[in-house]
Amino acid sequence: MPSPASPHITAPVRLAGLRGRNLELIEHRVLRKLAQAGVKLTGHEADRKEGHRLPEDVALSLGLLFRTLAPMRSRENMRAVAEGVEAMGHEEAAYWLGMAMHRKNPRRVLTALRYLMTDPAPSKP
């Protein structure tokens, strides 16, 4: 939605998408966040044309979650990143999502965030 911080946005903007096994891994987290925001999904949403209003903190965390997890393949790392994004505060999530949306190379920002939230692979002797 338009806001004083982003007056140039006049229509909904697609941030990222998940499907298949990547979505299945975090589906319960997304549904829980939506339920906390008062959005009840019935299964007939494909017929609807209007969207739902979400509080800013829920929208920030969901946008960051989807943007960060979209290219990932490792289920363990995806779980770690999802838990890290859920644990973020409002300001931190806003910072990372802003960096990911408005930087020249957003993939670098998202890669840095993924590195920060996953454990490094143990080195073999």
N, C-alpha and C. Protein backbone atom coordinates (compact mmCIF):
# COMPACT_ATOMS: atom_id res chain seq x y z
N MET A 1 0.84 -1.18 0.00
CA MET A 1 0.00 0.00 0.00
C MET A 1 0.89 1.24 0.00
N PRO A 2 0.41 2.33 -0.59
CA PRO A 2 1.18 3.57 -0.57
C PRO A 2 1.36 4.08 0.86
N SER A 3 2.48 4.70 1.09
CA SER A 3 2.76 5.28 2.39
C SER A 3 3.62 6.52 2.18
N PRO A 4 3.79 7.34 3.21
CA PRO A 4 4.65 8.52 3.06
C PRO A 4 6.08 8.15 2.68
N ALA A 5 6.53 6.97 3.08
CA ALA A 5 7.89 6.55 2.76
C ALA A 5 8.03 6.07 1.31
N SER A 6 6.92 5.68 0.70
CA SER A 6 6.98 5.18 -0.68
C SER A 6 5.79 5.70 -1.49
N PRO A 7 5.76 7.01 -1.77
CA PRO A 7 4.62 7.57 -2.49
C PRO A 7 4.54 7.13 -3.95
N HIS A 8 5.64 6.61 -4.50
CA HIS A 8 5.64 6.17 -5.88
C HIS A 8 4.91 4.83 -6.10
N ILE A 9 4.63 4.12 -5.03
CA ILE A 9 3.94 2.84 -5.14
C ILE A 9 2.44 3.10 -5.14
N THR A 10 1.80 2.77 -6.25
CA THR A 10 0.36 2.99 -6.37
C THR A 10 -0.41 1.68 -6.48
N ALA A 11 0.29 0.58 -6.69
CA ALA A 11 -0.35 -0.73 -6.83
C ALA A 11 0.48 -1.74 -6.05
N PRO A 12 -0.11 -2.90 -5.73
CA PRO A 12 0.67 -3.92 -5.03
C PRO A 12 1.92 -4.32 -5.83
N VAL A 13 3.00 -4.60 -5.12
CA VAL A 13 4.26 -4.97 -5.73
C VAL A 13 4.59 -6.39 -5.33
N ARG A 14 4.92 -7.23 -6.30
CA ARG A 14 5.30 -8.61 -6.01
C ARG A 14 6.75 -8.63 -5.56
N LEU A 15 7.00 -9.21 -4.40
CA LEU A 15 8.36 -9.25 -3.86
C LEU A 15 9.07 -10.54 -4.21
N ALA A 16 8.42 -11.66 -4.01
CA ALA A 16 9.02 -12.96 -4.28
C ALA A 16 7.94 -14.01 -4.16
N GLY A 17 8.25 -15.21 -4.58
CA GLY A 17 7.29 -16.29 -4.48
C GLY A 17 7.97 -17.60 -4.16
N LEU A 18 7.24 -18.45 -3.52
CA LEU A 18 7.71 -19.81 -3.22
C LEU A 18 6.65 -20.78 -3.69
N ARG A 19 7.07 -21.95 -4.04
CA ARG A 19 6.14 -23.01 -4.40
C ARG A 19 6.80 -24.35 -4.14
N GLY A 20 6.01 -25.38 -4.25
CA GLY A 20 6.55 -26.73 -4.09
C GLY A 20 7.07 -27.02 -2.70
N ARG A 21 8.16 -27.74 -2.67
CA ARG A 21 8.71 -28.19 -1.38
C ARG A 21 9.24 -27.03 -0.54
N ASN A 22 9.70 -25.96 -1.18
CA ASN A 22 10.17 -24.80 -0.42
C ASN A 22 9.02 -24.15 0.34
N LEU A 23 7.86 -24.06 -0.30
CA LEU A 23 6.70 -23.50 0.37
C LEU A 23 6.20 -24.44 1.46
N GLU A 24 6.22 -25.73 1.20
CA GLU A 24 5.76 -26.70 2.20
C GLU A 24 6.57 -26.60 3.49
N LEU A 25 7.85 -26.28 3.37
CA LEU A 25 8.72 -26.20 4.54
C LEU A 25 8.31 -25.06 5.47
N ILE A 26 7.82 -23.97 4.93
CA ILE A 26 7.49 -22.81 5.77
C ILE A 26 6.00 -22.49 5.78
N GLU A 27 5.19 -23.31 5.14
CA GLU A 27 3.76 -23.01 5.03
C GLU A 27 3.11 -22.81 6.39
N HIS A 28 3.44 -23.63 7.36
CA HIS A 28 2.83 -23.50 8.68
C HIS A 28 3.22 -22.17 9.34
N ARG A 29 4.45 -21.71 9.09
CA ARG A 29 4.88 -20.42 9.65
C ARG A 29 4.10 -19.27 9.03
N VAL A 30 3.92 -19.33 7.70
CA VAL A 30 3.19 -18.28 6.99
C VAL A 30 1.73 -18.26 7.44
N LEU A 31 1.11 -19.43 7.51
CA LEU A 31 -0.29 -19.50 7.93
C LEU A 31 -0.47 -19.00 9.36
N ARG A 32 0.49 -19.29 10.24
CA ARG A 32 0.41 -18.82 11.62
C ARG A 32 0.50 -17.29 11.67
N LYS A 33 1.42 -16.72 10.90
CA LYS A 33 1.54 -15.25 10.87
C LYS A 33 0.28 -14.61 10.30
N LEU A 34 -0.27 -15.19 9.25
CA LEU A 34 -1.49 -14.64 8.66
C LEU A 34 -2.67 -14.75 9.64
N ALA A 35 -2.75 -15.86 10.35
CA ALA A 35 -3.83 -16.02 11.33
C ALA A 35 -3.69 -14.99 12.46
N GLN A 36 -2.47 -14.72 12.89
CA GLN A 36 -2.25 -13.71 13.92
C GLN A 36 -2.65 -12.33 13.44
N ALA A 37 -2.56 -12.11 12.12
CA ALA A 37 -2.93 -10.82 11.53
C ALA A 37 -4.42 -10.75 11.22
N GLY A 38 -5.14 -11.84 11.48
CA GLY A 38 -6.59 -11.85 11.26
C GLY A 38 -7.02 -12.29 9.87
N VAL A 39 -6.11 -12.87 9.10
CA VAL A 39 -6.43 -13.35 7.76
C VAL A 39 -6.76 -14.83 7.85
N LYS A 40 -7.97 -15.18 7.51
CA LYS A 40 -8.40 -16.58 7.51
C LYS A 40 -8.51 -17.05 6.07
N LEU A 41 -7.74 -18.05 5.71
CA LEU A 41 -7.76 -18.58 4.35
C LEU A 41 -8.74 -19.74 4.29
N THR A 42 -9.59 -19.74 3.26
CA THR A 42 -10.64 -20.75 3.15
C THR A 42 -10.41 -21.71 2.00
N GLY A 43 -9.49 -21.40 1.10
CA GLY A 43 -9.26 -22.25 -0.06
C GLY A 43 -9.92 -21.71 -1.31
N HIS A 44 -10.75 -20.68 -1.17
CA HIS A 44 -11.44 -20.08 -2.32
C HIS A 44 -10.81 -18.75 -2.71
N GLU A 45 -9.56 -18.53 -2.34
CA GLU A 45 -8.91 -17.25 -2.60
C GLU A 45 -8.64 -17.02 -4.09
N ALA A 46 -8.58 -18.08 -4.89
CA ALA A 46 -8.33 -17.92 -6.32
C ALA A 46 -9.46 -17.17 -7.00
N ASP A 47 -10.66 -17.26 -6.45
CA ASP A 47 -11.82 -16.57 -7.02
C ASP A 47 -11.86 -15.09 -6.64
N ARG A 48 -11.14 -14.71 -5.60
CA ARG A 48 -11.18 -13.33 -5.10
C ARG A 48 -10.25 -12.44 -5.89
N LYS A 49 -10.62 -11.20 -6.02
CA LYS A 49 -9.80 -10.22 -6.72
C LYS A 49 -9.12 -9.25 -5.76
N GLU A 50 -9.71 -9.04 -4.59
CA GLU A 50 -9.12 -8.10 -3.64
C GLU A 50 -8.13 -8.83 -2.73
N GLY A 51 -7.28 -8.06 -2.11
CA GLY A 51 -6.27 -8.62 -1.23
C GLY A 51 -6.64 -8.42 0.22
N HIS A 52 -5.69 -8.66 1.09
CA HIS A 52 -5.87 -8.47 2.52
C HIS A 52 -4.91 -7.39 2.99
N ARG A 53 -5.34 -6.63 3.95
CA ARG A 53 -4.45 -5.65 4.59
C ARG A 53 -3.71 -6.37 5.72
N LEU A 54 -2.40 -6.17 5.75
CA LEU A 54 -1.57 -6.77 6.79
C LEU A 54 -0.88 -5.68 7.58
N PRO A 55 -0.67 -5.91 8.86
CA PRO A 55 0.14 -4.96 9.63
C PRO A 55 1.56 -4.93 9.05
N GLU A 56 2.21 -3.80 9.23
CA GLU A 56 3.53 -3.61 8.62
C GLU A 56 4.55 -4.65 9.07
N ASP A 57 4.55 -4.99 10.35
CA ASP A 57 5.55 -5.95 10.83
C ASP A 57 5.35 -7.33 10.22
N VAL A 58 4.10 -7.75 10.01
CA VAL A 58 3.83 -9.05 9.37
C VAL A 58 4.24 -9.01 7.91
N ALA A 59 3.91 -7.92 7.22
CA ALA A 59 4.27 -7.79 5.81
C ALA A 59 5.79 -7.77 5.64
N LEU A 60 6.49 -7.09 6.54
CA LEU A 60 7.96 -7.04 6.46
C LEU A 60 8.56 -8.43 6.61
N SER A 61 8.13 -9.15 7.63
CA SER A 61 8.73 -10.46 7.87
C SER A 61 8.38 -11.45 6.77
N LEU A 62 7.14 -11.41 6.26
CA LEU A 62 6.76 -12.31 5.17
C LEU A 62 7.51 -11.97 3.88
N GLY A 63 7.62 -10.69 3.57
CA GLY A 63 8.37 -10.29 2.38
C GLY A 63 9.82 -10.70 2.45
N LEU A 64 10.44 -10.47 3.59
CA LEU A 64 11.84 -10.85 3.77
C LEU A 64 12.00 -12.36 3.73
N LEU A 65 11.08 -13.07 4.35
CA LEU A 65 11.13 -14.53 4.36
C LEU A 65 11.07 -15.08 2.94
N PHE A 66 10.13 -14.60 2.15
CA PHE A 66 9.99 -15.10 0.79
C PHE A 66 11.18 -14.70 -0.08
N ARG A 67 11.65 -13.45 0.05
CA ARG A 67 12.80 -13.01 -0.75
C ARG A 67 14.05 -13.80 -0.42
N THR A 68 14.24 -14.10 0.85
CA THR A 68 15.45 -14.78 1.28
C THR A 68 15.43 -16.25 0.92
N LEU A 69 14.28 -16.90 1.05
CA LEU A 69 14.21 -18.34 0.83
C LEU A 69 14.03 -18.75 -0.62
N ALA A 70 13.61 -17.85 -1.49
CA ALA A 70 13.26 -18.21 -2.86
C ALA A 70 14.35 -19.01 -3.59
N PRO A 71 15.61 -18.60 -3.57
CA PRO A 71 16.60 -19.37 -4.34
C PRO A 71 17.26 -20.52 -3.58
N MET A 72 16.92 -20.69 -2.32
CA MET A 72 17.61 -21.69 -1.49
C MET A 72 17.14 -23.11 -1.81
N ARG A 73 18.03 -24.09 -1.59
CA ARG A 73 17.70 -25.49 -1.83
C ARG A 73 17.91 -26.37 -0.60
N SER A 74 18.84 -26.03 0.25
CA SER A 74 19.13 -26.84 1.43
C SER A 74 18.03 -26.65 2.48
N ARG A 75 17.36 -27.73 2.83
CA ARG A 75 16.25 -27.66 3.78
C ARG A 75 16.74 -27.23 5.17
N GLU A 76 17.90 -27.68 5.58
CA GLU A 76 18.44 -27.31 6.89
C GLU A 76 18.73 -25.81 6.93
N ASN A 77 19.35 -25.29 5.88
CA ASN A 77 19.64 -23.86 5.83
C ASN A 77 18.37 -23.04 5.72
N MET A 78 17.39 -23.54 4.99
CA MET A 78 16.12 -22.83 4.88
C MET A 78 15.44 -22.73 6.23
N ARG A 79 15.48 -23.80 6.99
CA ARG A 79 14.89 -23.80 8.33
C ARG A 79 15.60 -22.78 9.23
N ALA A 80 16.92 -22.75 9.15
CA ALA A 80 17.70 -21.81 9.97
C ALA A 80 17.38 -20.37 9.59
N VAL A 81 17.28 -20.09 8.30
CA VAL A 81 16.98 -18.73 7.85
C VAL A 81 15.56 -18.34 8.25
N ALA A 82 14.61 -19.26 8.11
CA ALA A 82 13.22 -18.96 8.50
C ALA A 82 13.13 -18.64 9.99
N GLU A 83 13.83 -19.40 10.82
CA GLU A 83 13.83 -19.12 12.25
C GLU A 83 14.48 -17.77 12.55
N GLY A 84 15.55 -17.45 11.81
CA GLY A 84 16.23 -16.18 12.01
C GLY A 84 15.36 -14.99 11.62
N VAL A 85 14.64 -15.11 10.53
CA VAL A 85 13.76 -14.02 10.09
C VAL A 85 12.62 -13.85 11.09
N GLU A 86 12.07 -14.96 11.60
CA GLU A 86 11.00 -14.88 12.60
C GLU A 86 11.49 -14.21 13.88
N ALA A 87 12.75 -14.41 14.23
CA ALA A 87 13.28 -13.85 15.47
C ALA A 87 13.66 -12.38 15.34
N MET A 88 13.70 -11.86 14.11
CA MET A 88 14.08 -10.46 13.90
C MET A 88 13.05 -9.51 14.46
N GLY A 89 13.54 -8.39 14.92
CA GLY A 89 12.66 -7.31 15.33
C GLY A 89 12.18 -6.53 14.12
N HIS A 90 11.24 -5.63 14.36
CA HIS A 90 10.65 -4.83 13.29
C HIS A 90 11.70 -4.01 12.55
N GLU A 91 12.58 -3.33 13.29
CA GLU A 91 13.57 -2.46 12.68
C GLU A 91 14.58 -3.25 11.85
N GLU A 92 15.00 -4.39 12.39
CA GLU A 92 15.98 -5.20 11.67
C GLU A 92 15.40 -5.77 10.39
N ALA A 93 14.17 -6.25 10.45
CA ALA A 93 13.51 -6.77 9.23
C ALA A 93 13.31 -5.65 8.21
N ALA A 94 12.95 -4.46 8.67
CA ALA A 94 12.77 -3.33 7.75
C ALA A 94 14.10 -2.97 7.09
N TYR A 95 15.17 -3.00 7.87
CA TYR A 95 16.49 -2.69 7.31
C TYR A 95 16.85 -3.68 6.20
N TRP A 96 16.75 -4.98 6.48
CA TRP A 96 17.16 -5.99 5.51
C TRP A 96 16.26 -5.99 4.28
N LEU A 97 14.97 -5.83 4.46
CA LEU A 97 14.08 -5.82 3.30
C LEU A 97 14.31 -4.56 2.47
N GLY A 98 14.54 -3.44 3.11
CA GLY A 98 14.86 -2.22 2.38
C GLY A 98 16.14 -2.36 1.58
N MET A 99 17.14 -2.96 2.19
CA MET A 99 18.40 -3.19 1.48
C MET A 99 18.19 -4.13 0.30
N ALA A 100 17.36 -5.15 0.48
CA ALA A 100 17.13 -6.13 -0.58
C ALA A 100 16.30 -5.56 -1.72
N MET A 101 15.48 -4.56 -1.44
CA MET A 101 14.62 -4.01 -2.48
C MET A 101 15.22 -2.81 -3.19
N HIS A 102 16.06 -2.03 -2.53
CA HIS A 102 16.49 -0.77 -3.09
C HIS A 102 17.97 -0.70 -3.44
N ARG A 103 18.69 -1.76 -3.30
CA ARG A 103 20.11 -1.77 -3.65
C ARG A 103 20.29 -2.11 -5.13
N LYS A 104 21.44 -1.75 -5.64
CA LYS A 104 21.74 -2.06 -7.03
C LYS A 104 21.87 -3.57 -7.23
N ASN A 105 22.49 -4.25 -6.27
CA ASN A 105 22.68 -5.70 -6.33
C ASN A 105 21.99 -6.36 -5.13
N PRO A 106 20.67 -6.54 -5.18
CA PRO A 106 19.98 -7.10 -4.01
C PRO A 106 20.37 -8.55 -3.72
N ARG A 107 20.84 -9.27 -4.71
CA ARG A 107 21.24 -10.66 -4.46
C ARG A 107 22.40 -10.74 -3.48
N ARG A 108 23.28 -9.75 -3.52
CA ARG A 108 24.40 -9.74 -2.58
C ARG A 108 23.92 -9.52 -1.15
N VAL A 109 22.94 -8.65 -0.99
CA VAL A 109 22.39 -8.38 0.34
C VAL A 109 21.74 -9.64 0.89
N LEU A 110 20.94 -10.30 0.06
CA LEU A 110 20.25 -11.51 0.51
C LEU A 110 21.23 -12.65 0.78
N THR A 111 22.29 -12.74 -0.01
CA THR A 111 23.32 -13.74 0.24
C THR A 111 24.00 -13.49 1.58
N ALA A 112 24.30 -12.22 1.87
CA ALA A 112 24.92 -11.89 3.15
C ALA A 112 24.00 -12.26 4.31
N LEU A 113 22.71 -12.00 4.17
CA LEU A 113 21.76 -12.35 5.21
C LEU A 113 21.71 -13.87 5.41
N ARG A 114 21.72 -14.60 4.32
CA ARG A 114 21.71 -16.07 4.42
C ARG A 114 22.97 -16.58 5.13
N TYR A 115 24.12 -16.00 4.81
CA TYR A 115 25.38 -16.40 5.47
C TYR A 115 25.33 -16.12 6.96
N LEU A 116 24.74 -14.99 7.34
CA LEU A 116 24.67 -14.65 8.75
C LEU A 116 23.77 -15.58 9.54
N MET A 117 22.76 -16.14 8.89
CA MET A 117 21.77 -16.94 9.60
C MET A 117 22.02 -18.44 9.55
N THR A 118 22.95 -18.89 8.75
CA THR A 118 23.23 -20.33 8.67
C THR A 118 24.57 -20.63 9.31
N ASP A 119 24.69 -21.84 9.81
CA ASP A 119 25.95 -22.29 10.39
C ASP A 119 26.91 -22.62 9.26
N PRO A 120 28.17 -22.27 9.44
CA PRO A 120 29.13 -22.65 8.40
C PRO A 120 29.32 -24.16 8.38
N ALA A 121 29.59 -24.68 7.22
CA ALA A 121 29.80 -26.13 7.10
C ALA A 121 31.07 -26.50 7.86
N PRO A 122 31.00 -27.58 8.63
CA PRO A 122 32.19 -27.99 9.37
C PRO A 122 33.30 -28.43 8.41
N SER A 123 34.49 -27.97 8.67
CA SER A 123 35.61 -28.34 7.79
C SER A 123 36.06 -29.77 8.10
N LYS A 124 36.41 -30.47 7.06
CA LYS A 124 36.86 -31.86 7.22
C LYS A 124 38.37 -31.88 7.40
N PRO A 125 38.87 -32.67 8.37
CA PRO A 125 40.31 -32.70 8.61
C PRO A 125 41.05 -33.46 7.55
